[in-house]
Amino acid sequence: MEKRWIVLQGRSLFYRCIVDQSRQDLLPVVFVPGLGVSSRYFQPVMRRLAGICDVYAPDLPGHGHSPATCRTRSIESLAQALLEWLAAMELGPVVLAGQSLGCQVVVEAALRQPACVDRLVLIAPTLDPAGRSLPRQVLRFVADIPFERVALVPRVAWDYLRMGWRFVPELQAMFAYATEDKLPRLNQPLLLMRGEFDPVAPRCWLYEAARRHGAAQVKEIAGWGHAVQFSAPGRVAEAMRPFLVS
């Protein structure tokens, strides 16, 4: 796992990657993290996929090590920052894999520049239409705690502390972005994934999302919750492999 920086329009952007320059058989996978968090919680699943493809995970502006910008942190601006990073890295087409709010970012990126995105993986996508209220989401996140690994807590807590007040406008952006309205416009193949006990991304929402897309696959990982890519990285990687090689 390498840790790198790239200068993007005068600002530095941090990212993690595992790259084998001799391997060109599969498209690279770019993981995009969720609300307020960094690329750190993708490391386990990245290591498990690195045997078949190159893997990347950027800290978008205001996340992890990457400094924030003066621009409002809307889903649209995060997607644009992701696309600018892909261009600077000379990556594309790629597989974009988002988790939680990261799903909104990759959907928006795919709609803005479809030629850059070959296919999409949405892990525990937010928000379902029935859950677009703060009290309901707070209750869901509390209900999710028993289904996560304990090791996730200090990682997420540190990311939230580092993000500080910027967490609030990003939370507002998550509620404002209607993923369900974007899915019918996607032309790329789509894989939807969730943990069996994830209350944040309910099973009914994933099947509704698949229906709206029209041709999406749905896979559920037994025994875990919202951050299933961290809690069960081997099973998530195994579930992704057939989709990546098809």
Protein backbone atom coordinates (compact mmCIF):
# COMPACT_ATOMS: atom_id res chain seq x y z
CA MET A 1 0.00 0.00 0.00
CA GLU A 2 1.57 3.25 -1.14
CA LYS A 3 0.69 6.71 0.17
CA ARG A 4 1.08 9.47 -2.39
CA TRP A 5 0.29 13.13 -3.03
CA ILE A 6 -0.58 14.91 -6.25
CA VAL A 7 -0.86 18.66 -6.83
CA LEU A 8 -4.22 19.45 -8.38
CA GLN A 9 -4.98 23.03 -9.45
CA GLY A 10 -2.65 24.42 -6.80
CA ARG A 11 -3.81 22.17 -3.98
CA SER A 12 -2.44 18.87 -2.73
CA LEU A 13 -4.56 15.74 -2.78
CA PHE A 14 -3.62 12.60 -0.88
CA TYR A 15 -4.37 9.08 -2.09
CA ARG A 16 -3.57 5.45 -1.38
CA CYS A 17 -2.88 2.89 -4.05
CA ILE A 18 -1.55 -0.55 -4.91
CA VAL A 19 -0.29 -0.47 -8.49
CA ASP A 20 1.43 -3.04 -10.68
CA GLN A 21 2.66 -1.30 -13.84
CA SER A 22 3.02 -4.61 -15.66
CA ARG A 23 -0.63 -5.54 -15.25
CA GLN A 24 -3.12 -4.28 -17.83
CA ASP A 25 -5.73 -7.06 -17.82
CA LEU A 26 -8.45 -5.33 -15.79
CA LEU A 27 -9.52 -1.73 -15.36
CA PRO A 28 -8.34 0.00 -12.17
CA VAL A 29 -10.79 0.31 -9.29
CA VAL A 30 -11.09 3.68 -7.54
CA PHE A 31 -12.71 3.64 -4.10
CA VAL A 32 -14.46 6.79 -2.86
CA PRO A 33 -15.17 7.11 0.89
CA GLY A 34 -18.31 8.25 2.66
CA LEU A 35 -19.40 11.12 4.86
CA GLY A 36 -16.43 12.80 6.50
CA VAL A 37 -14.15 9.78 6.36
CA SER A 38 -10.82 9.08 4.68
CA SER A 39 -9.50 6.36 2.41
CA ARG A 40 -8.11 4.41 5.39
CA TYR A 41 -11.16 2.21 5.81
CA PHE A 42 -10.76 0.89 2.26
CA GLN A 43 -7.30 -0.55 2.90
CA PRO A 44 -8.47 -4.11 3.78
CA VAL A 45 -10.60 -4.53 0.65
CA MET A 46 -7.97 -2.85 -1.52
CA ARG A 47 -5.38 -5.41 -0.43
CA ARG A 48 -7.72 -8.25 -1.31
CA LEU A 49 -8.47 -6.89 -4.79
CA ALA A 50 -4.89 -5.95 -5.58
CA GLY A 51 -4.18 -9.46 -6.83
CA ILE A 52 -6.36 -8.91 -9.91
CA CYS A 53 -6.33 -5.14 -10.58
CA ASP A 54 -4.78 -1.83 -9.62
CA VAL A 55 -6.63 -0.11 -6.78
CA TYR A 56 -6.77 3.54 -5.71
CA ALA A 57 -8.52 5.49 -2.96
CA PRO A 58 -8.22 9.29 -2.86
CA ASP A 59 -8.96 11.50 0.11
CA LEU A 60 -11.26 14.04 -1.50
CA PRO A 61 -10.83 17.71 -0.47
CA GLY A 62 -11.63 18.14 3.22
CA HIS A 63 -11.33 14.40 3.88
CA GLY A 64 -8.44 12.68 5.62
CA HIS A 65 -5.08 14.24 4.73
CA SER A 66 -6.39 16.36 1.84
CA PRO A 67 -6.99 20.01 2.80
CA ALA A 68 -10.38 21.58 2.23
CA THR A 69 -11.02 24.28 -0.34
CA CYS A 70 -13.13 27.40 -0.06
CA ARG A 71 -15.81 25.88 -2.29
CA THR A 72 -18.99 24.54 -0.74
CA ARG A 73 -18.71 20.80 -0.25
CA SER A 74 -21.67 19.75 -2.35
CA ILE A 75 -21.91 16.30 -3.93
CA GLU A 76 -21.43 18.01 -7.29
CA SER A 77 -18.20 19.72 -6.22
CA LEU A 78 -16.84 16.50 -4.70
CA ALA A 79 -17.63 14.67 -7.94
CA GLN A 80 -15.87 17.37 -9.93
CA ALA A 81 -12.81 17.09 -7.67
CA LEU A 82 -12.81 13.33 -8.23
CA LEU A 83 -12.95 13.81 -12.01
CA GLU A 84 -10.13 16.34 -11.90
CA TRP A 85 -8.05 13.86 -9.88
CA LEU A 86 -8.75 11.09 -12.42
CA ALA A 87 -7.65 13.39 -15.24
CA ALA A 88 -4.47 14.45 -13.42
CA MET A 89 -3.68 10.79 -12.71
CA GLU A 90 -4.38 9.92 -16.37
CA LEU A 91 -6.80 7.25 -15.22
CA GLY A 92 -9.78 6.30 -17.31
CA PRO A 93 -11.89 4.53 -17.97
CA VAL A 94 -12.07 3.13 -14.44
CA VAL A 95 -14.41 1.28 -12.12
CA LEU A 96 -15.72 3.70 -9.48
CA ALA A 97 -16.63 2.10 -6.15
CA GLY A 98 -18.28 4.35 -3.59
CA GLN A 99 -19.42 3.62 -0.05
CA SER A 100 -22.27 5.48 1.69
CA LEU A 101 -22.07 9.17 0.62
CA GLY A 102 -19.25 8.12 -1.72
CA CYS A 103 -21.94 6.40 -3.79
CA GLN A 104 -23.56 9.75 -4.45
CA VAL A 105 -20.20 11.16 -5.52
CA VAL A 106 -19.44 8.36 -7.99
CA VAL A 107 -22.95 8.46 -9.46
CA GLU A 108 -22.59 12.18 -10.10
CA ALA A 109 -19.11 11.70 -11.58
CA ALA A 110 -20.40 8.97 -13.90
CA LEU A 111 -23.21 11.22 -15.12
CA ARG A 112 -20.88 14.16 -15.71
CA GLN A 113 -18.20 12.25 -17.64
CA PRO A 114 -19.56 8.83 -18.62
CA ALA A 115 -16.57 8.08 -20.85
CA CYS A 116 -14.33 8.06 -17.77
CA VAL A 117 -16.40 5.46 -15.91
CA ASP A 118 -16.75 1.94 -17.26
CA ARG A 119 -18.87 0.57 -14.41
CA LEU A 120 -20.00 1.40 -10.87
CA VAL A 121 -20.05 -0.37 -7.52
CA LEU A 122 -22.28 1.19 -4.85
CA ILE A 123 -21.62 -0.19 -1.36
CA ALA A 124 -24.30 0.75 1.18
CA PRO A 125 -25.55 3.71 -0.89
CA THR A 126 -27.16 6.72 0.76
CA LEU A 127 -29.81 7.98 0.99
CA ASP A 128 -32.98 6.03 0.44
CA PRO A 129 -36.02 8.28 -0.06
CA ALA A 130 -37.66 6.98 3.12
CA GLY A 131 -34.63 7.92 5.23
CA ARG A 132 -34.14 11.52 4.23
CA SER A 133 -34.46 13.00 7.73
CA LEU A 134 -31.75 13.63 10.32
CA PRO A 135 -33.51 11.96 13.30
CA ARG A 136 -34.14 8.82 11.26
CA GLN A 137 -30.53 8.66 10.08
CA VAL A 138 -29.18 9.16 13.59
CA LEU A 139 -31.30 6.25 14.82
CA ARG A 140 -30.11 4.11 11.92
CA PHE A 141 -26.45 4.83 12.58
CA VAL A 142 -26.88 3.99 16.26
CA ALA A 143 -28.65 0.75 15.30
CA ASP A 144 -25.71 -0.09 13.02
CA ILE A 145 -23.04 0.02 15.77
CA PRO A 146 -23.43 -3.64 16.91
CA PHE A 147 -22.81 -4.83 13.34
CA GLU A 148 -19.42 -3.13 12.85
CA ARG A 149 -15.94 -4.18 13.90
CA VAL A 150 -14.65 -2.33 16.97
CA ALA A 151 -11.53 -1.33 15.04
CA LEU A 152 -13.67 0.89 12.82
CA VAL A 153 -14.60 3.26 15.67
CA PRO A 154 -11.21 4.97 16.25
CA ARG A 155 -10.64 5.34 12.51
CA VAL A 156 -13.98 7.04 11.89
CA ALA A 157 -13.77 9.12 15.10
CA TRP A 158 -10.34 10.45 14.12
CA ASP A 159 -11.55 11.32 10.61
CA TYR A 160 -14.56 13.19 11.99
CA LEU A 161 -12.40 15.12 14.47
CA ARG A 162 -9.99 16.07 11.70
CA MET A 163 -12.85 17.23 9.47
CA GLY A 164 -14.38 19.40 12.21
CA TRP A 165 -17.15 21.85 11.28
CA ARG A 166 -16.92 20.91 7.60
CA PHE A 167 -18.89 17.78 8.51
CA VAL A 168 -22.10 19.86 8.71
CA PRO A 169 -22.30 21.20 5.12
CA GLU A 170 -21.32 17.78 3.78
CA LEU A 171 -24.11 16.18 5.81
CA GLN A 172 -26.52 18.73 4.34
CA ALA A 173 -25.25 17.91 0.87
CA MET A 174 -25.89 14.21 1.46
CA PHE A 175 -29.53 14.92 2.33
CA ALA A 176 -29.97 17.25 -0.64
CA TYR A 177 -28.75 14.80 -3.29
CA ALA A 178 -31.52 12.51 -4.61
CA THR A 179 -29.66 9.40 -5.78
CA GLU A 180 -32.92 7.72 -6.76
CA ASP A 181 -33.52 10.36 -9.45
CA LYS A 182 -30.05 9.88 -10.94
CA LEU A 183 -30.04 6.09 -11.30
CA PRO A 184 -32.28 5.87 -14.41
CA ARG A 185 -29.82 8.13 -16.25
CA LEU A 186 -26.81 5.85 -15.70
CA ASN A 187 -25.71 3.84 -18.72
CA GLN A 188 -22.89 1.97 -16.98
CA PRO A 189 -23.24 -1.53 -15.50
CA LEU A 190 -24.03 -1.26 -11.79
CA LEU A 191 -23.40 -3.50 -8.78
CA LEU A 192 -25.25 -2.68 -5.54
CA MET A 193 -23.95 -4.15 -2.27
CA ARG A 194 -24.89 -4.02 1.41
CA GLY A 195 -24.25 -5.79 4.68
CA GLU A 196 -27.08 -8.06 5.80
CA PHE A 197 -27.84 -5.99 8.92
CA ASP A 198 -27.20 -2.51 7.52
CA PRO A 199 -30.04 -0.23 8.72
CA VAL A 200 -28.64 2.78 6.83
CA ALA A 201 -29.01 1.14 3.42
CA PRO A 202 -32.04 -1.17 3.81
CA ARG A 203 -32.55 -4.17 1.55
CA CYS A 204 -35.74 -2.72 0.06
CA TRP A 205 -33.82 0.41 -0.97
CA LEU A 206 -31.20 -1.58 -2.89
CA TYR A 207 -33.86 -3.46 -4.82
CA GLU A 208 -35.66 -0.21 -5.53
CA ALA A 209 -32.37 1.30 -6.72
CA ALA A 210 -31.81 -1.73 -8.98
CA ARG A 211 -35.31 -1.31 -10.40
CA ARG A 212 -34.70 2.36 -11.13
CA HIS A 213 -31.42 1.60 -12.88
CA GLY A 214 -32.99 -1.21 -14.86
CA ALA A 215 -30.10 -3.69 -15.05
CA ALA A 216 -28.23 -3.55 -11.74
CA GLN A 217 -27.00 -6.56 -9.78
CA VAL A 218 -27.66 -6.75 -6.03
CA LYS A 219 -25.42 -8.62 -3.59
CA GLU A 220 -25.74 -8.90 0.18
CA ILE A 221 -22.89 -9.81 2.53
CA ALA A 222 -24.10 -11.93 5.45
CA GLY A 223 -23.52 -10.87 9.04
CA TRP A 224 -22.37 -7.26 8.86
CA GLY A 225 -23.58 -3.66 8.73
CA HIS A 226 -22.99 -0.38 6.92
CA ALA A 227 -19.17 -0.42 6.61
CA VAL A 228 -19.17 -3.94 5.20
CA GLN A 229 -16.10 -3.24 3.04
CA PHE A 230 -14.12 -2.81 6.28
CA SER A 231 -15.78 -5.52 8.35
CA ALA A 232 -15.83 -8.24 5.67
CA PRO A 233 -13.27 -7.14 3.05
CA GLY A 234 -12.59 -10.64 1.76
CA ARG A 235 -16.24 -11.34 1.06
CA VAL A 236 -16.77 -7.92 -0.52
CA ALA A 237 -13.77 -8.44 -2.79
CA GLU A 238 -15.01 -11.90 -3.73
CA ALA A 239 -18.45 -10.51 -4.54
CA MET A 240 -16.89 -7.77 -6.70
CA ARG A 241 -14.59 -10.01 -8.75
CA PRO A 242 -17.16 -11.48 -11.16
CA PHE A 243 -18.52 -8.00 -11.85
CA LEU A 244 -15.04 -6.62 -12.53
CA VAL A 245 -14.05 -9.36 -14.97
CA SER A 246 -17.36 -9.61 -16.86
